[in-house]
Protein backbone atom coordinates (compact mmCIF):
# COMPACT_ATOMS: atom_id res chain seq x y z
CA UNK A 1 65.70 106.00 101.61
CA UNK A 2 66.43 108.69 105.08
CA UNK A 3 69.94 107.49 105.79
CA UNK A 4 70.96 108.76 108.93
CA UNK A 5 74.63 108.26 108.64
CA UNK A 6 77.24 107.74 105.85
CA UNK A 7 80.42 105.61 106.05
CA UNK A 8 83.01 106.44 103.29
CA UNK A 9 86.01 104.35 102.48
CA UNK A 10 88.94 106.46 102.30
CA UNK A 11 91.78 105.69 100.07
CA UNK A 12 90.72 105.49 96.20
CA UNK A 13 87.50 107.12 97.04
CA UNK A 14 88.68 110.62 98.35
CA UNK A 15 92.29 110.24 99.29
CA UNK A 16 93.68 109.78 95.65
CA UNK A 17 96.01 107.04 96.13
CA UNK A 18 97.32 106.18 92.87
CA UNK A 19 98.46 109.57 92.33
CA UNK A 20 99.47 110.09 96.14
CA UNK A 21 101.16 106.99 95.71
CA UNK A 22 103.24 107.59 92.29
CA UNK A 23 104.19 111.26 93.35
CA UNK A 24 105.67 109.73 96.76
CA UNK A 25 107.26 107.22 94.37
CA UNK A 26 109.22 109.21 92.04
CA UNK A 27 110.71 110.97 95.34
CA UNK A 28 111.62 108.00 96.69
CA UNK A 29 113.45 107.01 93.34
CA UNK A 30 115.40 110.30 93.41
CA UNK A 31 116.37 109.98 96.82
CA UNK A 32 117.64 106.73 96.84
CA UNK A 33 119.75 106.84 93.29
CA UNK A 34 117.42 103.75 92.26
CA UNK A 35 118.80 104.27 88.64
CA UNK A 36 122.31 103.37 89.95
CA UNK A 37 120.82 100.52 91.73
CA UNK A 38 119.60 98.70 88.72
CA UNK A 39 116.19 99.88 88.29
CA UNK A 40 115.72 101.79 84.77
CA UNK A 41 113.08 104.21 86.03
CA UNK A 42 110.84 106.31 88.14
CA UNK A 43 107.57 104.47 85.86
CA UNK A 44 108.49 101.05 86.20
CA UNK A 45 109.31 101.62 90.10
CA UNK A 46 105.83 103.05 90.28
CA UNK A 47 104.25 100.73 87.95
CA UNK A 48 105.98 97.36 89.74
CA UNK A 49 104.92 98.58 93.70
CA UNK A 50 101.25 98.70 92.12
CA UNK A 51 101.31 95.28 91.16
CA UNK A 52 102.77 94.15 94.46
CA UNK A 53 101.36 95.79 96.47
CA UNK A 54 97.96 95.29 95.39
CA UNK A 55 98.69 91.27 95.60
CA UNK A 56 99.92 92.14 99.18
CA UNK A 57 96.96 94.26 99.84
CA UNK A 58 94.27 91.56 99.33
CA UNK A 59 97.23 88.74 100.89
CA UNK A 60 96.61 90.97 104.29
CA UNK A 61 92.85 91.70 103.74
CA UNK A 62 92.16 87.78 103.44
CA UNK A 63 94.34 87.42 107.03
CA UNK A 64 97.60 85.86 104.81
CA UNK A 65 99.91 88.16 105.98
CA UNK A 66 99.93 90.69 108.95
CA UNK A 67 100.68 94.29 108.79
CA UNK A 68 104.19 94.19 109.35
CA UNK A 69 105.07 91.23 106.90
CA UNK A 70 102.71 93.52 104.19
CA UNK A 71 105.37 96.53 105.17
CA UNK A 72 108.57 94.52 105.02
CA UNK A 73 108.02 92.64 102.05
CA UNK A 74 106.69 95.32 99.63
CA UNK A 75 109.76 96.66 98.43
CA UNK A 76 111.69 93.42 98.66
CA UNK A 77 109.28 91.96 96.28
CA UNK A 78 109.85 94.87 93.96
CA UNK A 79 113.43 95.06 93.55
CA UNK A 80 113.52 90.99 93.30
CA UNK A 81 111.18 91.16 90.38
CA UNK A 82 113.24 94.56 88.78
CA UNK A 83 116.64 92.30 89.42
CA UNK A 84 118.18 93.69 92.22
CA UNK A 85 119.24 91.64 94.36
CA UNK A 86 120.88 94.33 97.39
CA UNK A 87 117.59 94.04 99.88
CA UNK A 88 120.00 96.34 102.24
CA UNK A 89 118.08 99.75 101.47
CA UNK A 90 114.48 98.02 101.11
CA UNK A 91 113.27 98.70 104.90
CA UNK A 92 114.85 102.23 105.13
CA UNK A 93 112.92 102.91 101.42
CA UNK A 94 109.91 101.56 103.25
CA UNK A 95 110.41 104.01 106.51
CA UNK A 96 111.08 107.03 103.62
CA UNK A 97 107.96 105.94 101.72
CA UNK A 98 105.53 105.84 104.52
CA UNK A 99 106.52 108.65 106.02
CA UNK A 100 106.16 110.98 102.24
CA UNK A 101 103.09 109.44 100.64
CA UNK A 102 100.45 109.84 103.32
CA UNK A 103 101.44 113.78 103.02
CA UNK A 104 100.32 114.45 99.96
CA UNK A 105 97.29 115.99 99.57
CA UNK A 106 95.50 114.85 96.41
CA UNK A 107 91.90 114.05 96.85
CA UNK A 108 89.11 112.34 93.95
CA UNK A 109 87.91 114.98 91.86
CA UNK A 110 84.99 117.07 93.42
CA UNK A 111 85.56 115.17 97.19
CA UNK A 112 85.42 118.42 98.95
CA UNK A 113 82.87 119.96 96.86
CA UNK A 114 80.61 116.59 97.76
CA UNK A 115 81.47 116.81 101.57
CA UNK A 116 80.45 120.42 101.51
CA UNK A 117 77.47 119.63 100.60
CA UNK A 118 76.71 116.37 102.62
CA UNK A 119 78.39 117.99 106.03
CA UNK A 120 75.39 119.65 106.77
CA UNK A 121 72.85 116.93 106.35
CA UNK A 122 74.66 114.16 107.40
CA UNK A 123 77.19 112.89 110.56
CA UNK A 124 79.84 111.17 108.32
CA UNK A 125 82.32 108.36 109.05
CA UNK A 126 85.55 106.58 108.16
CA UNK A 127 85.59 103.02 107.91
CA UNK A 128 89.27 101.79 106.50
CA UNK A 129 91.73 99.01 106.53
CA UNK A 130 94.36 101.15 106.53
CA UNK A 131 96.86 101.60 109.59
CA UNK A 132 95.94 104.50 112.10
CA UNK A 133 99.54 106.29 112.15
CA UNK A 134 99.07 106.25 108.42
CA UNK A 135 95.35 107.35 107.80
CA UNK A 136 95.73 110.15 110.35
CA UNK A 137 97.88 112.06 108.51
CA UNK A 138 96.25 111.20 104.95
CA UNK A 139 92.83 112.98 106.71
CA UNK A 140 94.79 115.53 108.24
CA UNK A 141 97.05 116.56 104.66
CA UNK A 142 93.85 116.02 102.57
CA UNK A 143 91.69 118.71 104.50
CA UNK A 144 89.06 115.95 104.81
CA UNK A 145 89.17 115.61 109.01
CA UNK A 146 86.82 118.56 109.21
CA UNK A 147 84.01 116.87 107.44
CA UNK A 148 84.15 113.39 109.48
CA UNK A 149 82.77 112.67 113.40
CA UNK A 150 85.11 109.94 113.36
CA UNK A 151 87.42 107.24 111.69
CA UNK A 152 87.21 103.38 112.44
CA UNK A 153 90.19 101.30 111.30
CA UNK A 154 90.98 97.64 111.28
CA UNK A 155 93.63 97.88 113.60
CA UNK A 156 91.10 99.59 116.41
CA UNK A 157 88.42 96.80 115.08
CA UNK A 158 90.34 94.30 115.26
CA UNK A 159 89.07 92.96 112.09
CA UNK A 160 89.29 93.78 108.27
CA UNK A 161 86.50 94.80 105.55
CA UNK A 162 84.63 92.25 104.29
CA UNK A 163 84.37 90.75 107.40
CA UNK A 164 80.89 91.47 109.05
CA UNK A 165 82.63 92.00 112.20
CA UNK A 166 84.40 95.19 110.87
CA UNK A 167 80.93 96.53 110.22
CA UNK A 168 79.52 95.45 113.04
CA UNK A 169 81.90 97.17 115.39
CA UNK A 170 81.64 100.40 113.48
CA UNK A 171 77.99 100.14 113.82
CA UNK A 172 78.28 99.54 117.54
CA UNK A 173 80.51 102.68 117.91
CA UNK A 174 78.31 105.02 116.16
CA UNK A 175 75.43 103.94 117.84
CA UNK A 176 73.41 103.28 114.34
CA UNK A 177 71.53 100.64 112.61
CA UNK A 178 72.95 98.62 109.34
CA UNK A 179 69.35 100.36 107.85
CA UNK A 180 70.13 103.19 108.43
CA UNK A 181 73.40 103.74 106.77
CA UNK A 182 74.95 104.05 103.36
CA UNK A 183 78.22 103.24 102.61
CA UNK A 184 80.52 104.49 100.09
CA UNK A 185 83.85 102.78 98.50
CA UNK A 186 85.62 101.87 95.39
CA UNK A 187 86.34 97.86 95.92
CA UNK A 188 83.50 96.02 95.26
CA UNK A 189 84.16 92.46 97.14
CA UNK A 190 85.37 94.80 100.62
CA UNK A 191 83.16 97.70 100.71
CA UNK A 192 80.25 97.18 98.99
CA UNK A 193 79.30 93.47 99.56
CA UNK A 194 80.64 93.82 103.03
CA UNK A 195 78.28 96.15 103.75
CA UNK A 196 75.62 94.36 101.96
CA UNK A 197 75.81 91.80 104.11
CA UNK A 198 75.29 93.14 107.09
CA UNK A 199 72.17 94.67 105.72
CA UNK A 200 73.15 97.99 104.86
CA UNK A 201 72.78 99.96 101.65
CA UNK A 202 76.16 101.10 99.38
CA UNK A 203 77.49 103.40 97.07
CA UNK A 204 80.11 101.50 94.60
CA UNK A 205 82.25 104.52 93.13
CA UNK A 206 83.18 102.76 90.02
CA UNK A 207 85.13 105.26 87.97
CA UNK A 208 86.63 102.55 85.79
CA UNK A 209 83.76 101.02 85.09
CA UNK A 210 85.25 97.47 86.42
CA UNK A 211 82.63 94.54 86.06
CA UNK A 212 80.87 93.04 88.73
CA UNK A 213 78.71 90.24 88.97
CA UNK A 214 76.02 91.51 92.22
CA UNK A 215 73.70 94.53 91.93
CA UNK A 216 74.75 97.55 94.17
CA UNK A 217 72.10 99.61 95.51
CA UNK A 218 73.76 102.73 93.62
CA UNK A 219 76.49 102.50 91.35
CA UNK A 220 78.11 106.17 90.24
CA UNK A 221 81.13 107.15 88.37
CA UNK A 222 81.61 110.84 89.92
CA UNK A 223 81.74 111.81 93.37
CA UNK A 224 79.41 114.76 92.48
CA UNK A 225 76.53 112.14 91.49
CA UNK A 226 76.22 111.77 95.46
CA UNK A 227 74.45 114.88 95.25
CA UNK A 228 71.97 113.70 93.37
CA UNK A 229 71.38 110.41 95.52
CA UNK A 230 71.55 112.37 98.93
């Protein structure tokens, strides 16, 4: 279809959250001497972060916890599950992580090459459940800002993907019809079903070959495949 607008998710789609978070957590581990607190290694610290962070983000997207609860609960739960009862540093560690992590610059493979190809052809937008202060820094650090006309966050919209209102808010902001837009994202329930449920075509970026039970408009393993579709 002759799409008129492209809408991208940010984390795990363009900005490499796993790599950037792992590097930032290793720095946090050293800054706060967490081995002395009883956390055996930066690797274990990072693995536990990924496990707990995924659960809390799902709870946030379902409206079960707030942004503040997400940020304050994360490291307390990590400490508790790793057997560290002293939580006195958790808020400071959270602030440090939130300062370090979004400034990391690693993108998903071929992201810039693909954006260079798409930029002259389409107006492009970011649609994210992330928070304004963090996502702006990620965009700048990764060199992504010049490629996009606008970023829409859940904070701005008052809704979160996959809620239809989040997509309708975005369509109103960019003055577009759903049928004219293509959503590109890595989370099937949030990005892909959310977009398709409002009549938008969607590209499921699925480098890890996740199993899903509904066929997206397109499915890719590498961002470079967008150059074949578009």
